[in-house]
Structure formats: C-alpha cells, structure tokens
Amino acid sequence: MNRSGRLSVAVLGAGLIGIDLAAKAVRSDVLANPLVVARATDTPGLRQAKAMGLATATEGIHSLLTADEPVDVVFDATNAMAHAEHAALLAASGTVLIDLTPSRVGHMVVPAVNGAEAAGRRDMSMVSCGGQASIPLLHAITRRHRVDHVEVVTTAASPSVGRGTRLNLDEYVATTQDAVRDFTGVKDVKAILNVSPARPPAMFRVAMSLLGEGLARESVEAAVEEAACRVREYAAGFEVSACVAEGDRAFVAVQVTAGGDRVPRYAGNLDIINSAALRVAELHAADRVRSAAIPTERS
C-alpha cells in the first residue's frame, strides 16, 4: 500500500474497458488513482486518462516491469492472448492481477457468488460481461432446482464492443460456457454473443433459458430477486426484465444500464464487468487491511 493506505493500481489497456475502469477506480476509497498503461504514445484513451489527471505510460507491460516498485493491483484490459504472458511476467512481483479478458487463466470470480475468494488469490478472472450478468442468477436457481440445460444469449451494442473483445469472440463464448458449468454444475451449456449494429444502439441484455424439473415460478422468482439484489450492491444498473417459470422450463432476462462514467448508458456490458472487477479489488484491499491489523506472535 502507498503512504495514504490505499493500494497502488494500474490499468493495462486504454480502450473502452480500461478508461471506464480507471474512472471508476478514481472514486474508490481504498484504491489509489490508477496508472493507465498503453502500448502507443497517442491514443484517445490515453488522452482521456491525461484529461482526468491520471498518470500514463506507453510501453505496455514493460512499463510495470521496470517500475521502481511493484504495483499492488493490475487490471488487465488487453486481450485473452496477452494475459497469460502478462501473468507470467508479473509472477515474481507479487502483484495481484484482475483479468478482464476471457483468457480463463486465473481463478474465476463473480463477486455476488464467490467474492470472498478474492482473498489470497494472485490472478483472478472476471469471466466475461455475459458471465457476470448471468451467473449470479443461474447459480441461485440451480441451488434450488434441478437444471439439465442452460442457454445464455448476450446482446451488446456494436459501439460498446472494442477491438480486444472482437479479437476474443471465440474465447468469450468458451469462457462463458466454462464458467456457467463451473458455477452451476450444469454440463449442457450453450453461450451465444450477438453484437448488434442497431441504431439507436441496443441496450446490453442477457437472456437465459433453462430446462430442468420442478421449476416453480415462485421459487425461481425468489432465487432470481435474491441474486439480483446482491449484484446491485456493486452494479446499480442491473435489472431483471423477465422471469417466467413453469414445469420443466424457465426464462430469465436482465438488462444492465451503465452508470455514466466514460461510456454511454447502453454499454452495460462494460459497466458490469468493470464494476465486478472494482469490487474484487476492493475486497482484496479489505483483506490486506485485515491482515495488516492482525498482530504476529512476535508483536
């Protein structure tokens, strides 16, 4: 931690996700103003970061490797192919990595489900925006009901899907499917991503279709609302737009509205994964504070 008692932070990547995440981190009570790191000297993202009064660097991961002191937390907002290399290069530094790419390298964390596992982990995966929106609800439903099949269809507006995400469409689908399987125990899972070119831009939506047994409306609705309340603790724009269940079928849909930092309201895909990543960093910071306050045997 720095002299103010806050964790030092870097955002690796100055695209749509990285700049919105930096803006969110600035408001945190436990994270220091982030260093924004890119690989080019003059990009729109870096210009925005400088306008926010943030420090910037332009040598990518090497800017962190050559720093005088290791950064406490690095948010990786680059792409899935690069994250494994970043994790290996930073391994000796003790830096905590929070991965916003669908690399599936680190430990998967969805704050509303297993946020407590942020303590003690060095490399954490935020799965995907569709995963962050769907898994809390699917996890809650499958704890109460037998579910044999899940389909998750994510729709995001084209302007909210940056170059990194477009490079990782296959990884996005595979990682989302793997995460749904891991968090629910359901083996038959299908994930679909729609990048909508509609004008005006489509709001970020995730639709979940389930097949199982005894999917009673009252029980499914209760599970969904309980999970949605937990998500809204860190992503206020998260709303359940549909919840229908009867017999062996259920359908749940959510919409996420962005909070208006550096992205438009329709870009709830960016908002929810960034809000989840920020929550994980703050949970890690809280654990660091608790650990520092525990006296050792010598003291």
Protein backbone atom coordinates (compact mmCIF):
# COMPACT_ATOMS: atom_id res chain seq x y z
CA MET A 1 0.00 0.00 0.00
CA ASN A 2 1.10 3.57 -0.58
CA ARG A 3 1.53 6.20 2.10
CA SER A 4 -2.16 7.06 2.02
CA GLY A 5 -3.03 3.49 2.95
CA ARG A 6 -4.51 2.77 -0.48
CA LEU A 7 -3.49 0.03 -2.87
CA SER A 8 -1.48 1.18 -5.86
CA VAL A 9 -3.26 0.36 -9.10
CA ALA A 10 -2.51 0.14 -12.81
CA VAL A 11 -4.93 -0.36 -15.68
CA LEU A 12 -3.23 -2.24 -18.51
CA GLY A 13 -5.06 -1.19 -21.66
CA ALA A 14 -6.53 2.18 -22.63
CA GLY A 15 -9.52 1.06 -24.65
CA LEU A 16 -13.23 1.32 -23.81
CA ILE A 17 -12.99 -1.00 -20.82
CA GLY A 18 -9.74 0.38 -19.47
CA ILE A 19 -10.76 4.04 -19.40
CA ASP A 20 -14.15 3.36 -17.82
CA LEU A 21 -12.44 1.19 -15.22
CA ALA A 22 -9.91 3.93 -14.49
CA ALA A 23 -12.73 6.42 -13.96
CA LYS A 24 -14.41 4.04 -11.52
CA ALA A 25 -11.16 3.38 -9.64
CA VAL A 26 -10.64 7.12 -9.09
CA ARG A 27 -13.76 7.16 -6.89
CA SER A 28 -12.65 4.26 -4.71
CA ASP A 29 -11.82 4.90 -1.07
CA VAL A 30 -9.23 2.11 -0.96
CA LEU A 31 -7.54 2.28 -4.36
CA ALA A 32 -5.06 4.96 -5.40
CA ASN A 33 -5.56 6.85 -8.65
CA PRO A 34 -4.58 4.35 -11.32
CA LEU A 35 -1.67 4.45 -13.71
CA VAL A 36 -3.10 3.91 -17.20
CA VAL A 37 -0.79 1.87 -19.41
CA ALA A 38 -0.96 1.53 -23.20
CA ARG A 39 1.38 0.46 -25.99
CA ALA A 40 1.01 3.56 -28.15
CA THR A 41 2.02 7.10 -27.37
CA ASP A 42 -1.09 8.91 -28.59
CA THR A 43 -4.45 7.17 -28.36
CA PRO A 44 -7.91 8.52 -27.49
CA GLY A 45 -7.85 6.51 -24.28
CA LEU A 46 -4.56 7.98 -23.11
CA ARG A 47 -5.78 11.47 -23.93
CA GLN A 48 -8.86 10.84 -21.80
CA ALA A 49 -6.73 9.50 -18.96
CA LYS A 50 -4.49 12.57 -19.05
CA ALA A 51 -7.57 14.83 -19.08
CA MET A 52 -8.69 13.04 -15.89
CA GLY A 53 -5.35 13.96 -14.31
CA LEU A 54 -4.06 10.38 -14.29
CA ALA A 55 -0.51 9.22 -14.82
CA THR A 56 0.09 7.31 -18.05
CA ALA A 57 2.74 5.05 -19.55
CA THR A 58 3.23 3.88 -23.12
CA GLU A 59 5.42 0.78 -23.03
CA GLY A 60 2.72 -1.76 -22.17
CA ILE A 61 3.61 -4.45 -19.64
CA HIS A 62 7.24 -3.33 -19.68
CA SER A 63 6.20 -0.07 -18.03
CA LEU A 64 5.20 -2.13 -14.99
CA LEU A 65 8.21 -4.45 -15.09
CA THR A 66 10.65 -1.52 -14.98
CA ALA A 67 8.80 0.49 -12.31
CA ASP A 68 10.70 1.35 -9.13
CA GLU A 69 8.16 -0.56 -7.02
CA PRO A 70 5.66 -3.28 -7.96
CA VAL A 71 2.03 -2.22 -8.29
CA ASP A 72 -0.36 -3.81 -5.80
CA VAL A 73 -3.18 -4.47 -8.30
CA VAL A 74 -3.11 -4.61 -12.09
CA PHE A 75 -6.35 -4.69 -14.07
CA ASP A 76 -5.63 -6.43 -17.37
CA ALA A 77 -7.95 -4.92 -20.00
CA THR A 78 -5.96 -6.02 -23.06
CA ASN A 79 -6.87 -9.31 -24.76
CA ALA A 80 -7.02 -13.00 -23.91
CA MET A 81 -3.93 -13.93 -25.90
CA ALA A 82 -1.78 -11.46 -23.98
CA HIS A 83 -2.94 -12.19 -20.44
CA ALA A 84 -1.02 -15.45 -19.93
CA GLU A 85 2.21 -13.63 -20.84
CA HIS A 86 1.36 -10.75 -18.51
CA ALA A 87 0.67 -13.16 -15.65
CA ALA A 88 3.99 -14.94 -16.19
CA LEU A 89 5.98 -11.70 -16.39
CA LEU A 90 4.44 -10.30 -13.20
CA ALA A 91 4.54 -13.55 -11.24
CA ALA A 92 7.68 -12.68 -9.28
CA SER A 93 6.44 -9.21 -8.29
CA GLY A 94 3.60 -10.30 -6.02
CA THR A 95 1.20 -8.10 -7.97
CA VAL A 96 -2.46 -9.15 -7.92
CA LEU A 97 -3.89 -9.49 -11.42
CA ILE A 98 -7.57 -8.92 -12.15
CA ASP A 99 -8.20 -10.17 -15.67
CA LEU A 100 -11.00 -8.57 -17.69
CA THR A 101 -10.19 -10.67 -20.76
CA PRO A 102 -11.76 -14.09 -21.38
CA SER A 103 -8.39 -15.85 -21.07
CA ARG A 104 -9.59 -18.38 -18.46
CA VAL A 105 -6.09 -18.29 -16.94
CA GLY A 106 -6.87 -17.09 -13.42
CA HIS A 107 -9.35 -18.15 -10.74
CA MET A 108 -12.86 -17.22 -11.85
CA VAL A 109 -14.59 -14.76 -9.52
CA VAL A 110 -18.16 -13.47 -9.69
CA PRO A 111 -18.46 -11.14 -6.68
CA ALA A 112 -22.13 -11.88 -5.95
CA VAL A 113 -21.33 -15.61 -5.75
CA ASN A 114 -17.75 -16.18 -4.59
CA GLY A 115 -16.37 -12.72 -3.88
CA ALA A 116 -14.82 -13.97 -0.63
CA GLU A 117 -12.37 -15.99 -2.73
CA ALA A 118 -10.65 -12.76 -3.79
CA ALA A 119 -8.59 -13.04 -0.62
CA GLY A 120 -5.29 -14.76 -1.22
CA ARG A 121 -5.65 -15.11 -5.00
CA ARG A 122 -2.98 -13.64 -7.25
CA ASP A 123 -4.65 -13.97 -10.65
CA MET A 124 -8.43 -13.62 -10.90
CA SER A 125 -10.60 -13.92 -13.99
CA MET A 126 -13.72 -11.77 -14.41
CA VAL A 127 -15.04 -14.38 -16.92
CA SER A 128 -16.98 -12.12 -19.33
CA CYS A 129 -19.68 -9.45 -19.22
CA GLY A 130 -22.32 -12.08 -20.05
CA GLY A 131 -20.95 -14.32 -17.33
CA GLN A 132 -21.05 -11.56 -14.72
CA ALA A 133 -24.67 -10.78 -15.65
CA SER A 134 -25.97 -14.35 -15.82
CA ILE A 135 -24.01 -16.48 -13.34
CA PRO A 136 -25.37 -14.97 -10.09
CA LEU A 137 -28.93 -15.76 -11.20
CA LEU A 138 -28.13 -19.17 -12.65
CA HIS A 139 -26.18 -20.13 -9.54
CA ALA A 140 -29.12 -19.14 -7.32
CA ILE A 141 -31.64 -21.08 -9.42
CA THR A 142 -29.54 -24.24 -9.64
CA ARG A 143 -29.03 -24.29 -5.87
CA ARG A 144 -32.80 -24.79 -5.50
CA HIS A 145 -33.75 -26.69 -8.64
CA ARG A 146 -32.55 -29.44 -10.90
CA VAL A 147 -31.42 -27.89 -14.19
CA ASP A 148 -30.21 -30.00 -17.10
CA HIS A 149 -29.64 -27.40 -19.82
CA VAL A 150 -28.77 -23.70 -19.86
CA GLU A 151 -28.54 -21.32 -22.81
CA VAL A 152 -27.17 -17.82 -22.30
CA VAL A 153 -27.68 -15.28 -25.10
CA THR A 154 -25.87 -11.97 -24.68
CA THR A 155 -26.64 -8.92 -26.83
CA ALA A 156 -24.28 -5.94 -26.83
CA ALA A 157 -24.30 -2.82 -28.99
CA SER A 158 -21.59 -2.74 -31.64
CA PRO A 159 -20.10 0.61 -30.46
CA SER A 160 -19.57 -0.89 -26.99
CA VAL A 161 -17.56 -3.85 -28.27
CA GLY A 162 -13.93 -2.81 -28.65
CA ARG A 163 -11.14 -4.29 -30.70
CA GLY A 164 -9.90 -6.54 -27.89
CA THR A 165 -13.30 -8.14 -27.45
CA ARG A 166 -13.71 -8.63 -31.19
CA LEU A 167 -10.37 -10.45 -31.27
CA ASN A 168 -11.60 -12.75 -28.50
CA LEU A 169 -15.11 -13.73 -29.62
CA ASP A 170 -14.35 -17.46 -29.58
CA GLU A 171 -12.64 -17.16 -26.19
CA TYR A 172 -15.62 -15.15 -24.90
CA VAL A 173 -18.06 -17.92 -25.77
CA ALA A 174 -15.85 -20.74 -24.46
CA THR A 175 -15.02 -18.96 -21.20
CA THR A 176 -18.65 -18.04 -20.53
CA GLN A 177 -19.73 -21.65 -21.11
CA ASP A 178 -16.98 -22.99 -18.84
CA ALA A 179 -17.86 -20.53 -16.09
CA VAL A 180 -21.58 -21.35 -16.20
CA ARG A 181 -20.72 -25.05 -15.93
CA ASP A 182 -18.36 -24.46 -13.01
CA PHE A 183 -20.70 -22.23 -11.01
CA THR A 184 -23.90 -24.22 -11.61
CA GLY A 185 -22.83 -27.82 -12.09
CA VAL A 186 -24.88 -27.97 -15.30
CA LYS A 187 -22.96 -29.81 -18.02
CA ASP A 188 -25.13 -28.96 -21.04
CA VAL A 189 -24.45 -25.24 -21.53
CA LYS A 190 -24.54 -23.05 -24.62
CA ALA A 191 -23.45 -19.41 -24.80
CA ILE A 192 -24.15 -17.05 -27.70
CA LEU A 193 -22.92 -13.48 -28.23
CA ASN A 194 -24.81 -11.09 -30.50
CA VAL A 195 -23.04 -7.86 -31.47
CA SER A 196 -25.93 -5.65 -32.54
CA PRO A 197 -25.47 -2.98 -35.24
CA ALA A 198 -28.88 -1.43 -34.45
CA ARG A 199 -29.32 2.34 -34.31
CA PRO A 200 -30.00 3.68 -31.79
CA PRO A 201 -27.64 1.24 -30.07
CA ALA A 202 -29.24 -1.71 -28.30
CA MET A 203 -29.10 -1.84 -24.52
CA PHE A 204 -26.99 -4.60 -23.03
CA ARG A 205 -29.19 -7.63 -22.39
CA VAL A 206 -28.66 -11.23 -21.33
CA ALA A 207 -31.36 -13.86 -21.80
CA MET A 208 -31.20 -17.21 -20.02
CA SER A 209 -33.26 -20.27 -20.99
CA LEU A 210 -33.29 -23.27 -18.64
CA LEU A 211 -34.61 -26.82 -18.91
CA GLY A 212 -35.00 -28.98 -15.82
CA GLU A 213 -37.55 -30.25 -13.35
CA GLY A 214 -39.90 -28.55 -10.87
CA LEU A 215 -39.09 -25.01 -11.98
CA ALA A 216 -41.89 -23.41 -9.98
CA ARG A 217 -42.50 -19.72 -10.65
CA GLU A 218 -42.45 -18.56 -7.01
CA SER A 219 -39.23 -20.38 -6.21
CA VAL A 220 -37.42 -19.25 -9.35
CA GLU A 221 -38.56 -15.64 -8.88
CA ALA A 222 -37.35 -15.64 -5.27
CA ALA A 223 -33.94 -17.02 -6.25
CA VAL A 224 -33.57 -14.50 -9.07
CA GLU A 225 -34.53 -11.49 -6.94
CA GLU A 226 -32.21 -12.52 -4.12
CA ALA A 227 -29.28 -12.82 -6.54
CA ALA A 228 -30.17 -9.58 -8.35
CA CYS A 229 -30.07 -7.68 -5.06
CA ARG A 230 -26.52 -8.89 -4.46
CA VAL A 231 -25.41 -7.80 -7.91
CA ARG A 232 -26.97 -4.35 -7.49
CA GLU A 233 -24.71 -3.78 -4.48
CA TYR A 234 -21.93 -3.00 -6.97
CA ALA A 235 -23.75 -2.67 -10.33
CA ALA A 236 -26.71 -0.39 -9.70
CA GLY A 237 -27.98 -0.56 -13.28
CA PHE A 238 -28.67 -4.30 -13.12
CA GLU A 239 -32.38 -5.05 -13.62
CA VAL A 240 -34.39 -8.23 -14.18
CA SER A 241 -36.65 -7.60 -17.18
CA ALA A 242 -38.33 -11.01 -17.39
CA CYS A 243 -38.73 -14.07 -15.19
CA VAL A 244 -41.05 -16.87 -16.29
CA ALA A 245 -41.03 -20.44 -14.98
CA GLU A 246 -43.35 -23.41 -15.17
CA GLY A 247 -42.74 -27.13 -15.01
CA ASP A 248 -39.56 -28.02 -16.82
CA ARG A 249 -38.80 -24.61 -18.36
CA ALA A 250 -37.70 -21.19 -17.15
CA PHE A 251 -36.72 -17.99 -18.91
CA VAL A 252 -34.93 -15.08 -17.25
CA ALA A 253 -33.71 -11.88 -18.89
CA VAL A 254 -31.70 -8.99 -17.48
CA GLN A 255 -30.71 -5.56 -18.75
CA VAL A 256 -27.76 -3.58 -17.48
CA THR A 257 -27.61 0.19 -17.82
CA ALA A 258 -24.20 1.83 -17.50
CA GLY A 259 -23.72 4.35 -14.74
CA GLY A 260 -22.48 7.15 -16.97
CA ASP A 261 -18.74 7.23 -16.25
CA ARG A 262 -16.87 7.20 -19.54
CA VAL A 263 -19.29 5.03 -21.50
CA PRO A 264 -22.87 5.59 -22.72
CA ARG A 265 -25.83 4.14 -20.87
CA TYR A 266 -26.32 1.34 -23.38
CA ALA A 267 -22.82 -0.04 -22.65
CA GLY A 268 -23.90 -2.08 -19.64
CA ASN A 269 -21.54 -4.84 -20.78
CA LEU A 270 -18.59 -2.62 -19.91
CA ASP A 271 -20.21 -1.35 -16.74
CA ILE A 272 -20.95 -4.73 -15.19
CA ILE A 273 -17.56 -6.33 -15.78
CA ASN A 274 -15.76 -3.18 -14.60
CA SER A 275 -17.97 -2.88 -11.54
CA ALA A 276 -17.29 -6.53 -10.73
CA ALA A 277 -13.54 -6.05 -11.17
CA LEU A 278 -13.57 -2.99 -8.93
CA ARG A 279 -15.49 -4.91 -6.25
CA VAL A 280 -12.91 -7.70 -6.37
CA ALA A 281 -10.06 -5.20 -5.97
CA GLU A 282 -11.79 -3.60 -3.00
CA LEU A 283 -12.42 -6.99 -1.39
CA HIS A 284 -8.72 -7.76 -1.82
CA ALA A 285 -7.83 -4.38 -0.28
CA ALA A 286 -10.09 -5.07 2.70
CA ASP A 287 -8.36 -8.40 3.22
CA ARG A 288 -4.96 -6.70 3.08
CA VAL A 289 -6.08 -4.23 5.75
CA ARG A 290 -7.37 -7.03 7.99
CA SER A 291 -4.17 -9.00 7.56
CA ALA A 292 -2.04 -5.97 8.41
CA ALA A 293 -4.08 -5.37 11.56
CA ILE A 294 -3.59 -8.92 12.91
CA PRO A 295 -0.63 -8.90 15.33
CA THR A 296 2.04 -11.55 14.83
CA GLU A 297 3.33 -13.77 17.67
CA ARG A 298 6.43 -11.58 18.00
CA SER A 299 4.33 -8.42 18.40
